[in-house]
Protein backbone atom coordinates (compact mmCIF):
# COMPACT_ATOMS: atom_id res chain seq x y z
CA MET A 1 9.26 -23.94 20.30
CA ILE A 2 6.50 -21.93 21.93
CA GLY A 3 4.48 -19.18 20.27
CA SER A 4 2.46 -17.49 22.99
CA GLY A 5 -1.05 -16.16 22.61
CA ASP A 6 0.23 -12.60 23.00
CA VAL A 7 2.52 -12.97 20.00
CA CYS A 8 -0.19 -14.63 17.91
CA ARG A 9 -2.67 -11.87 18.80
CA ALA A 10 -0.14 -9.17 17.90
CA ASP A 11 1.28 -10.71 14.72
CA LEU A 12 -1.07 -13.35 13.32
CA ALA A 13 -4.52 -11.80 13.65
CA LEU A 14 -6.71 -11.46 10.56
CA HIS A 15 -10.15 -9.96 10.16
CA TYR A 16 -12.72 -12.11 8.37
CA ASP A 17 -12.62 -9.90 5.25
CA GLU A 18 -8.80 -9.91 5.22
CA ALA A 19 -8.78 -13.71 5.21
CA LYS A 20 -11.35 -13.76 2.41
CA THR A 21 -9.41 -11.27 0.29
CA MET A 22 -6.19 -13.18 0.90
CA ILE A 23 -7.25 -16.69 -0.11
CA ALA A 24 -10.78 -17.01 -1.51
CA ASP A 25 -9.70 -16.36 -5.12
CA LYS A 26 -6.34 -18.15 -4.92
CA GLY A 27 -7.17 -21.14 -7.07
CA PRO A 28 -8.74 -24.42 -5.95
CA ILE A 29 -6.64 -24.76 -2.80
CA GLY A 30 -7.34 -21.16 -1.81
CA ALA A 31 -11.06 -21.71 -2.38
CA TRP A 32 -10.91 -24.86 -0.27
CA LEU A 33 -8.99 -23.06 2.51
CA TRP A 34 -11.52 -20.22 2.42
CA ASP A 35 -14.44 -22.67 2.68
CA GLN A 36 -12.80 -24.42 5.62
CA TYR A 37 -12.09 -21.10 7.35
CA ARG A 38 -15.59 -19.75 6.67
CA PHE A 39 -17.35 -22.90 7.94
CA TRP A 40 -15.12 -22.99 11.02
CA TYR A 41 -15.63 -19.24 11.65
CA TYR A 42 -19.41 -19.46 11.59
CA ARG A 43 -19.40 -22.58 13.74
CA GLN A 44 -16.83 -21.48 16.34
CA VAL A 45 -16.31 -17.71 16.30
CA LYS A 46 -19.70 -16.25 15.39
CA PRO A 47 -21.50 -17.77 18.41
CA LEU A 48 -18.87 -16.18 20.67
CA ARG A 49 -18.92 -12.79 18.99
CA ARG A 50 -22.65 -12.63 18.23
CA GLU A 51 -22.94 -9.23 16.55
CA ASP A 52 -19.41 -7.84 17.02
CA PHE A 53 -17.17 -8.88 14.13
CA THR A 54 -14.77 -5.96 14.42
CA LYS A 55 -12.09 -7.99 16.18
CA PRO A 56 -9.64 -10.13 14.23
CA TRP A 57 -9.10 -13.82 14.85
CA MET A 58 -5.69 -15.43 15.22
CA ILE A 59 -4.38 -17.97 12.75
CA TRP A 60 -2.49 -19.79 15.50
CA ASP A 61 -0.91 -22.72 13.68
CA ILE A 62 1.00 -20.71 11.11
CA ILE A 63 3.44 -19.61 13.81
CA THR A 64 5.19 -22.96 13.29
CA LEU A 65 5.64 -22.24 9.59
CA ALA A 66 6.90 -18.73 10.40
CA TYR A 67 9.51 -20.21 12.73
CA LEU A 68 10.62 -22.85 10.23
CA GLU A 69 10.90 -20.20 7.49
CA GLY A 70 13.04 -17.92 9.67
CA MET A 71 10.37 -15.24 10.02
CA THR A 72 10.36 -15.02 13.79
CA THR A 73 12.37 -13.42 16.52
CA GLN A 74 12.92 -15.70 19.47
CA GLU A 75 14.96 -16.31 22.56
CA THR A 76 16.03 -19.45 24.36
CA ILE A 77 14.80 -19.51 27.94
CA PRO A 78 14.74 -22.03 30.79
CA ARG A 79 11.89 -24.45 30.23
CA PRO A 80 8.92 -23.23 32.31
CA HIS A 81 6.49 -25.52 34.06
CA LEU A 82 2.78 -25.13 34.60
CA ASN A 83 1.83 -24.33 38.19
CA SER A 84 -1.38 -25.63 39.75
CA ASP A 85 -2.91 -22.13 39.38
CA MET A 86 -2.24 -22.30 35.59
CA SER A 87 0.59 -19.76 35.75
CA LEU A 88 4.04 -20.51 34.38
CA GLY A 89 6.85 -21.10 36.84
CA ASN A 90 10.57 -21.13 36.24
CA PRO A 91 12.10 -24.16 37.93
CA ASP A 92 15.82 -24.52 38.34
CA THR A 93 16.47 -26.60 35.23
CA LYS A 94 19.02 -26.98 32.49
CA GLN A 95 16.25 -27.69 29.96
CA THR A 96 15.40 -24.86 27.59
CA VAL A 97 12.72 -23.92 25.07
CA ILE A 98 12.63 -21.53 22.16
CA TRP A 99 10.17 -18.74 23.00
CA ILE A 100 8.94 -16.78 19.99
CA THR A 101 8.71 -13.06 20.69
CA HIS A 102 7.65 -11.74 17.26
CA VAL A 103 6.47 -12.94 13.85
CA ASP A 104 7.27 -10.92 10.74
CA SER A 105 3.74 -11.11 9.34
CA LYS A 106 4.55 -8.57 6.61
CA ARG A 107 6.82 -11.26 5.11
CA LEU A 108 4.89 -14.33 6.25
CA TRP A 109 1.55 -13.82 4.49
CA PRO A 110 2.99 -12.88 1.07
CA ASP A 111 5.41 -15.81 1.33
CA PHE A 112 2.55 -18.17 2.20
CA LEU A 113 0.54 -16.97 -0.81
CA GLN A 114 3.56 -17.24 -3.11
CA LYS A 115 4.10 -20.85 -2.01
CA LEU A 116 0.41 -21.58 -2.49
CA ASP A 117 0.52 -20.18 -6.03
CA ALA A 118 3.74 -22.05 -6.85
CA TYR A 119 2.30 -25.34 -5.62
CA GLN A 120 -0.85 -24.92 -7.68
CA ARG A 121 1.19 -24.07 -10.80
CA THR A 122 3.31 -27.20 -10.48
CA HIS A 123 0.78 -29.79 -9.29
CA SER A 124 -2.38 -31.19 -10.77
CA ILE A 125 -5.27 -30.28 -8.49
CA ARG A 126 -8.76 -31.64 -8.86
């Protein structure tokens, strides 16, 4: 399964304030996730962006969850290979990969938050 950068940029991008609003007040796990995101953001993203924080940042890894939860559109294509110039080539092969073409982020984020809430209601968290 491959979720390309183009799909992640289009469907899984959140602004800093959106991420804060989404998880900062969602119980102890949400607070922990927000702290992790905030520390990472100021360590990794802020030095790259300097003074421009208008652009969203992609939450790349959640594309796997979206796929597993049936919240993606995808196609099966011949397995590409990486050329020496870093482009993708299409060799004559019978091997295939699942290429994600879209993530339904309007369903994904609420579902993620619902699962987070449900977990915290049913588990003891310190």
